[in-house]
Amino acid sequence: MQIKCLATMKEKGRLEDFKYDPQPLGPYDVEVAISHCGICHSDINLIDNDWGMSAFPLVPGHEIV
């Protein structure tokens, strides 16, 4: 199953369409269907790499429905 999302490819980059194949679920993982996702200020900090720990491509958003 391919995941469709928005991602930034570089520090301070714009969000653009992105697709990827997720890793197989592990024995303690669960699959969650997400219909909507919000972006908050901490996501902007990650996009801008303000904390020096961002890895790219970066798919922001952790407030999900």
PDB file of N, CA and C in Angstrom:
ATOM      1  N   MET A   1       0.848  -1.173   0.000  1.00  0.00           N
ATOM      2  CA  MET A   1       0.000   0.000   0.000  1.00  0.00           C
ATOM      3  C   MET A   1       0.894   1.237   0.000  1.00  0.00           C
ATOM      4  N   GLN A   2       0.721   2.086  -0.972  1.00  0.00           N
ATOM      5  CA  GLN A   2       1.515   3.305  -1.050  1.00  0.00           C
ATOM      6  C   GLN A   2       0.821   4.425  -0.269  1.00  0.00           C
ATOM      7  N   ILE A   3       1.608   5.186   0.481  1.00  0.00           N
ATOM      8  CA  ILE A   3       1.104   6.305   1.279  1.00  0.00           C
ATOM      9  C   ILE A   3       1.225   7.591   0.462  1.00  0.00           C
ATOM     10  N   LYS A   4       0.139   8.380   0.402  1.00  0.00           N
ATOM     11  CA  LYS A   4       0.150   9.687  -0.255  1.00  0.00           C
ATOM     12  C   LYS A   4       0.117  10.752   0.833  1.00  0.00           C
ATOM     13  N   CYS A   5       1.013  11.727   0.734  1.00  0.00           N
ATOM     14  CA  CYS A   5       1.104  12.756   1.769  1.00  0.00           C
ATOM     15  C   CYS A   5       1.743  14.011   1.188  1.00  0.00           C
ATOM     16  N   LEU A   6       1.976  14.975   2.042  1.00  0.00           N
ATOM     17  CA  LEU A   6       2.750  16.167   1.700  1.00  0.00           C
ATOM     18  C   LEU A   6       4.047  16.107   2.485  1.00  0.00           C
ATOM     19  N   ALA A   7       5.136  16.471   1.847  1.00  0.00           N
ATOM     20  CA  ALA A   7       6.445  16.424   2.498  1.00  0.00           C
ATOM     21  C   ALA A   7       7.302  17.575   1.997  1.00  0.00           C
ATOM     22  N   THR A   8       8.299  17.914   2.796  1.00  0.00           N
ATOM     23  CA  THR A   8       9.324  18.850   2.347  1.00  0.00           C
ATOM     24  C   THR A   8      10.619  18.070   2.178  1.00  0.00           C
ATOM     25  N   MET A   9      11.353  18.373   1.139  1.00  0.00           N
ATOM     26  CA  MET A   9      12.571  17.638   0.812  1.00  0.00           C
ATOM     27  C   MET A   9      13.823  18.259   1.408  1.00  0.00           C
ATOM     28  N   LYS A  10      13.680  19.495   1.911  1.00  0.00           N
ATOM     29  CA  LYS A  10      14.857  20.193   2.434  1.00  0.00           C
ATOM     30  C   LYS A  10      14.437  21.175   3.517  1.00  0.00           C
ATOM     31  N   GLU A  11      15.404  21.622   4.278  1.00  0.00           N
ATOM     32  CA  GLU A  11      15.179  22.611   5.329  1.00  0.00           C
ATOM     33  C   GLU A  11      14.527  23.860   4.748  1.00  0.00           C
ATOM     34  N   LYS A  12      13.479  24.331   5.410  1.00  0.00           N
ATOM     35  CA  LYS A  12      12.722  25.519   5.009  1.00  0.00           C
ATOM     36  C   LYS A  12      12.056  25.359   3.644  1.00  0.00           C
ATOM     37  N   GLY A  13      11.892  24.109   3.192  1.00  0.00           N
ATOM     38  CA  GLY A  13      11.296  23.845   1.884  1.00  0.00           C
ATOM     39  C   GLY A  13       9.778  23.912   1.907  1.00  0.00           C
ATOM     40  N   ARG A  14       9.206  23.967   0.725  1.00  0.00           N
ATOM     41  CA  ARG A  14       7.752  23.957   0.572  1.00  0.00           C
ATOM     42  C   ARG A  14       7.243  22.523   0.673  1.00  0.00           C
ATOM     43  N   LEU A  15       5.999  22.374   1.098  1.00  0.00           N
ATOM     44  CA  LEU A  15       5.373  21.057   1.107  1.00  0.00           C
ATOM     45  C   LEU A  15       4.938  20.720  -0.312  1.00  0.00           C
ATOM     46  N   GLU A  16       5.182  19.483  -0.717  1.00  0.00           N
ATOM     47  CA  GLU A  16       4.811  19.027  -2.051  1.00  0.00           C
ATOM     48  C   GLU A  16       4.291  17.600  -1.961  1.00  0.00           C
ATOM     49  N   ASP A  17       3.545  17.194  -2.997  1.00  0.00           N
ATOM     50  CA  ASP A  17       3.030  15.828  -3.038  1.00  0.00           C
ATOM     51  C   ASP A  17       4.175  14.836  -2.917  1.00  0.00           C
ATOM     52  N   PHE A  18       3.947  13.774  -2.147  1.00  0.00           N
ATOM     53  CA  PHE A  18       4.986  12.774  -1.893  1.00  0.00           C
ATOM     54  C   PHE A  18       4.299  11.428  -1.694  1.00  0.00           C
ATOM     55  N   LYS A  19       4.879  10.378  -2.212  1.00  0.00           N
ATOM     56  CA  LYS A  19       4.374   9.016  -2.027  1.00  0.00           C
ATOM     57  C   LYS A  19       5.518   8.140  -1.550  1.00  0.00           C
ATOM     58  N   TYR A  20       5.191   7.182  -0.679  1.00  0.00           N
ATOM     59  CA  TYR A  20       6.208   6.235  -0.230  1.00  0.00           C
ATOM     60  C   TYR A  20       5.552   4.923   0.170  1.00  0.00           C
ATOM     61  N   ASP A  21       6.342   3.874   0.176  1.00  0.00           N
ATOM     62  CA  ASP A  21       5.889   2.559   0.612  1.00  0.00           C
ATOM     63  C   ASP A  21       6.314   2.366   2.062  1.00  0.00           C
ATOM     64  N   PRO A  22       5.357   2.164   2.977  1.00  0.00           N
ATOM     65  CA  PRO A  22       5.719   1.989   4.385  1.00  0.00           C
ATOM     66  C   PRO A  22       6.391   0.642   4.630  1.00  0.00           C
ATOM     67  N   GLN A  23       7.132   0.568   5.715  1.00  0.00           N
ATOM     68  CA  GLN A  23       7.738  -0.696   6.127  1.00  0.00           C
ATOM     69  C   GLN A  23       6.637  -1.623   6.625  1.00  0.00           C
ATOM     70  N   PRO A  24       6.866  -2.934   6.595  1.00  0.00           N
ATOM     71  CA  PRO A  24       5.865  -3.863   7.143  1.00  0.00           C
ATOM     72  C   PRO A  24       5.636  -3.592   8.632  1.00  0.00           C
ATOM     73  N   LEU A  25       4.414  -3.842   9.089  1.00  0.00           N
ATOM     74  CA  LEU A  25       4.091  -3.663  10.505  1.00  0.00           C
ATOM     75  C   LEU A  25       4.823  -4.700  11.339  1.00  0.00           C
ATOM     76  N   GLY A  26       5.308  -4.275  12.496  1.00  0.00           N
ATOM     77  CA  GLY A  26       5.962  -5.175  13.433  1.00  0.00           C
ATOM     78  C   GLY A  26       4.933  -5.830  14.343  1.00  0.00           C
ATOM     79  N   PRO A  27       5.377  -6.721  15.211  1.00  0.00           N
ATOM     80  CA  PRO A  27       4.445  -7.462  16.071  1.00  0.00           C
ATOM     81  C   PRO A  27       3.696  -6.578  17.075  1.00  0.00           C
ATOM     82  N   TYR A  28       4.196  -5.398  17.382  1.00  0.00           N
ATOM     83  CA  TYR A  28       3.536  -4.507  18.337  1.00  0.00           C
ATOM     84  C   TYR A  28       2.999  -3.238  17.673  1.00  0.00           C
ATOM     85  N   ASP A  29       2.954  -3.212  16.343  1.00  0.00           N
ATOM     86  CA  ASP A  29       2.455  -2.060  15.597  1.00  0.00           C
ATOM     87  C   ASP A  29       0.971  -2.231  15.286  1.00  0.00           C
ATOM     88  N   VAL A  30       0.303  -1.108  15.044  1.00  0.00           N
ATOM     89  CA  VAL A  30      -1.085  -1.120  14.579  1.00  0.00           C
ATOM     90  C   VAL A  30      -1.188  -0.204  13.365  1.00  0.00           C
ATOM     91  N   GLU A  31      -2.104  -0.511  12.474  1.00  0.00           N
ATOM     92  CA  GLU A  31      -2.350   0.335  11.318  1.00  0.00           C
ATOM     93  C   GLU A  31      -3.522   1.249  11.639  1.00  0.00           C
ATOM     94  N   VAL A  32      -3.354   2.545  11.398  1.00  0.00           N
ATOM     95  CA  VAL A  32      -4.381   3.538  11.693  1.00  0.00           C
ATOM     96  C   VAL A  32      -4.724   4.263  10.397  1.00  0.00           C
ATOM     97  N   ALA A  33      -6.003   4.319  10.053  1.00  0.00           N
ATOM     98  CA  ALA A  33      -6.442   5.065   8.873  1.00  0.00           C
ATOM     99  C   ALA A  33      -6.622   6.528   9.275  1.00  0.00           C
ATOM    100  N   ILE A  34      -5.996   7.428   8.540  1.00  0.00           N
ATOM    101  CA  ILE A  34      -6.040   8.861   8.844  1.00  0.00           C
ATOM    102  C   ILE A  34      -6.764   9.572   7.709  1.00  0.00           C
ATOM    103  N   SER A  35      -7.787  10.361   8.052  1.00  0.00           N
ATOM    104  CA  SER A  35      -8.516  11.098   7.018  1.00  0.00           C
ATOM    105  C   SER A  35      -8.079  12.561   6.932  1.00  0.00           C
ATOM    106  N   HIS A  36      -7.630  13.139   8.053  1.00  0.00           N
ATOM    107  CA  HIS A  36      -7.214  14.541   8.081  1.00  0.00           C
ATOM    108  C   HIS A  36      -6.047  14.706   9.051  1.00  0.00           C
ATOM    109  N   CYS A  37      -5.242  15.722   8.792  1.00  0.00           N
ATOM    110  CA  CYS A  37      -4.094  15.982   9.656  1.00  0.00           C
ATOM    111  C   CYS A  37      -3.900  17.489   9.779  1.00  0.00           C
ATOM    112  N   GLY A  38      -3.606  17.941  10.991  1.00  0.00           N
ATOM    113  CA  GLY A  38      -3.343  19.352  11.225  1.00  0.00           C
ATOM    114  C   GLY A  38      -1.852  19.617  11.370  1.00  0.00           C
ATOM    115  N   ILE A  39      -1.466  20.826  11.053  1.00  0.00           N
ATOM    116  CA  ILE A  39      -0.079  21.267  11.197  1.00  0.00           C
ATOM    117  C   ILE A  39      -0.056  22.302  12.324  1.00  0.00           C
ATOM    118  N   CYS A  40       0.817  22.113  13.297  1.00  0.00           N
ATOM    119  CA  CYS A  40       0.933  23.089  14.381  1.00  0.00           C
ATOM    120  C   CYS A  40       2.331  23.719  14.335  1.00  0.00           C
ATOM    121  N   HIS A  41       2.599  24.611  15.270  1.00  0.00           N
ATOM    122  CA  HIS A  41       3.859  25.356  15.215  1.00  0.00           C
ATOM    123  C   HIS A  41       5.079  24.460  15.357  1.00  0.00           C
ATOM    124  N   SER A  42       4.982  23.378  16.116  1.00  0.00           N
ATOM    125  CA  SER A  42       6.148  22.490  16.236  1.00  0.00           C
ATOM    126  C   SER A  42       6.488  21.843  14.894  1.00  0.00           C
ATOM    127  N   ASP A  43       5.479  21.633  14.025  1.00  0.00           N
ATOM    128  CA  ASP A  43       5.757  21.112  12.687  1.00  0.00           C
ATOM    129  C   ASP A  43       6.542  22.134  11.864  1.00  0.00           C
ATOM    130  N   ILE A  44       6.216  23.406  12.029  1.00  0.00           N
ATOM    131  CA  ILE A  44       6.970  24.459  11.336  1.00  0.00           C
ATOM    132  C   ILE A  44       8.416  24.472  11.834  1.00  0.00           C
ATOM    133  N   ASN A  45       8.611  24.295  13.147  1.00  0.00           N
ATOM    134  CA  ASN A  45       9.975  24.202  13.679  1.00  0.00           C
ATOM    135  C   ASN A  45      10.732  23.037  13.052  1.00  0.00           C
ATOM    136  N   LEU A  46      10.060  21.900  12.862  1.00  0.00           N
ATOM    137  CA  LEU A  46      10.711  20.746  12.233  1.00  0.00           C
ATOM    138  C   LEU A  46      11.031  21.024  10.768  1.00  0.00           C
ATOM    139  N   ILE A  47      10.088  21.635  10.033  1.00  0.00           N
ATOM    140  CA  ILE A  47      10.332  21.974   8.627  1.00  0.00           C
ATOM    141  C   ILE A  47      11.534  22.908   8.514  1.00  0.00           C
ATOM    142  N   ASP A  48      11.637  23.874   9.411  1.00  0.00           N
ATOM    143  CA  ASP A  48      12.747  24.835   9.384  1.00  0.00           C
ATOM    144  C   ASP A  48      14.013  24.294  10.042  1.00  0.00           C
ATOM    145  N   ASN A  49      13.936  23.091  10.620  1.00  0.00           N
ATOM    146  CA  ASN A  49      15.054  22.457  11.333  1.00  0.00           C
ATOM    147  C   ASN A  49      15.578  23.347  12.461  1.00  0.00           C
ATOM    148  N   ASP A  50      14.665  24.010  13.151  1.00  0.00           N
ATOM    149  CA  ASP A  50      15.041  24.907  14.246  1.00  0.00           C
ATOM    150  C   ASP A  50      15.732  24.188  15.400  1.00  0.00           C
ATOM    151  N   TRP A  51      15.442  22.911  15.582  1.00  0.00           N
ATOM    152  CA  TRP A  51      16.018  22.157  16.697  1.00  0.00           C
ATOM    153  C   TRP A  51      17.199  21.291  16.260  1.00  0.00           C
ATOM    154  N   GLY A  52      17.563  21.355  14.968  1.00  0.00           N
ATOM    155  CA  GLY A  52      18.729  20.623  14.469  1.00  0.00           C
ATOM    156  C   GLY A  52      18.580  19.111  14.459  1.00  0.00           C
ATOM    157  N   MET A  53      17.340  18.602  14.407  1.00  0.00           N
ATOM    158  CA  MET A  53      17.150  17.148  14.446  1.00  0.00           C
ATOM    159  C   MET A  53      16.255  16.628  13.326  1.00  0.00           C
ATOM    160  N   SER A  54      15.900  17.470  12.368  1.00  0.00           N
ATOM    161  CA  SER A  54      14.991  17.057  11.304  1.00  0.00           C
ATOM    162  C   SER A  54      15.699  16.172  10.288  1.00  0.00           C
ATOM    163  N   ALA A  55      14.966  15.187   9.780  1.00  0.00           N
ATOM    164  CA  ALA A  55      15.459  14.302   8.720  1.00  0.00           C
ATOM    165  C   ALA A  55      14.539  14.480   7.511  1.00  0.00           C
ATOM    166  N   PHE A  56      15.134  14.593   6.346  1.00  0.00           N
ATOM    167  CA  PHE A  56      14.366  14.862   5.126  1.00  0.00           C
ATOM    168  C   PHE A  56      14.474  13.684   4.173  1.00  0.00           C
ATOM    169  N   PRO A  57      13.391  13.384   3.421  1.00  0.00           N
ATOM    170  CA  PRO A  57      12.134  14.112   3.371  1.00  0.00           C
ATOM    171  C   PRO A  57      11.398  14.038   4.700  1.00  0.00           C
ATOM    172  N   LEU A  58      10.670  15.101   5.006  1.00  0.00           N
ATOM    173  CA  LEU A  58       9.951  15.220   6.274  1.00  0.00           C
ATOM    174  C   LEU A  58       8.456  15.345   5.990  1.00  0.00           C
ATOM    175  N   VAL A  59       7.666  14.489   6.604  1.00  0.00           N
ATOM    176  CA  VAL A  59       6.205  14.538   6.510  1.00  0.00           C
ATOM    177  C   VAL A  59       5.695  15.100   7.838  1.00  0.00           C
ATOM    178  N   PRO A  60       5.308  16.386   7.876  1.00  0.00           N
ATOM    179  CA  PRO A  60       4.869  16.978   9.134  1.00  0.00           C
ATOM    180  C   PRO A  60       3.435  16.589   9.468  1.00  0.00           C
ATOM    181  N   GLY A  61       3.053  16.843  10.704  1.00  0.00           N
ATOM    182  CA  GLY A  61       1.679  16.627  11.142  1.00  0.00           C
ATOM    183  C   GLY A  61       1.579  15.497  12.139  1.00  0.00           C
ATOM    184  N   HIS A  62       0.984  15.786  13.280  1.00  0.00           N
ATOM    185  CA  HIS A  62       0.780  14.748  14.288  1.00  0.00           C
ATOM    186  C   HIS A  62      -0.575  14.890  14.971  1.00  0.00           C
ATOM    187  N   GLU A  63      -1.362  15.862  14.559  1.00  0.00           N
ATOM    188  CA  GLU A  63      -2.716  16.044  15.092  1.00  0.00           C
ATOM    189  C   GLU A  63      -3.676  15.476  14.055  1.00  0.00           C
ATOM    190  N   ILE A  64      -4.096  14.226  14.261  1.00  0.00           N
ATOM    191  CA  ILE A  64      -4.791  13.485  13.211  1.00  0.00           C
ATOM    192  C   ILE A  64      -6.240  13.167  13.562  1.00  0.00           C
ATOM    193  N   VAL A  65      -7.032  12.926  12.522  1.00  0.00           N
ATOM    194  CA  VAL A  65      -8.422  12.470  12.642  1.00  0.00           C
ATOM    195  C   VAL A  65      -8.530  11.169  11.873  1.00  0.00           C
TER     196      VAL A  65
END
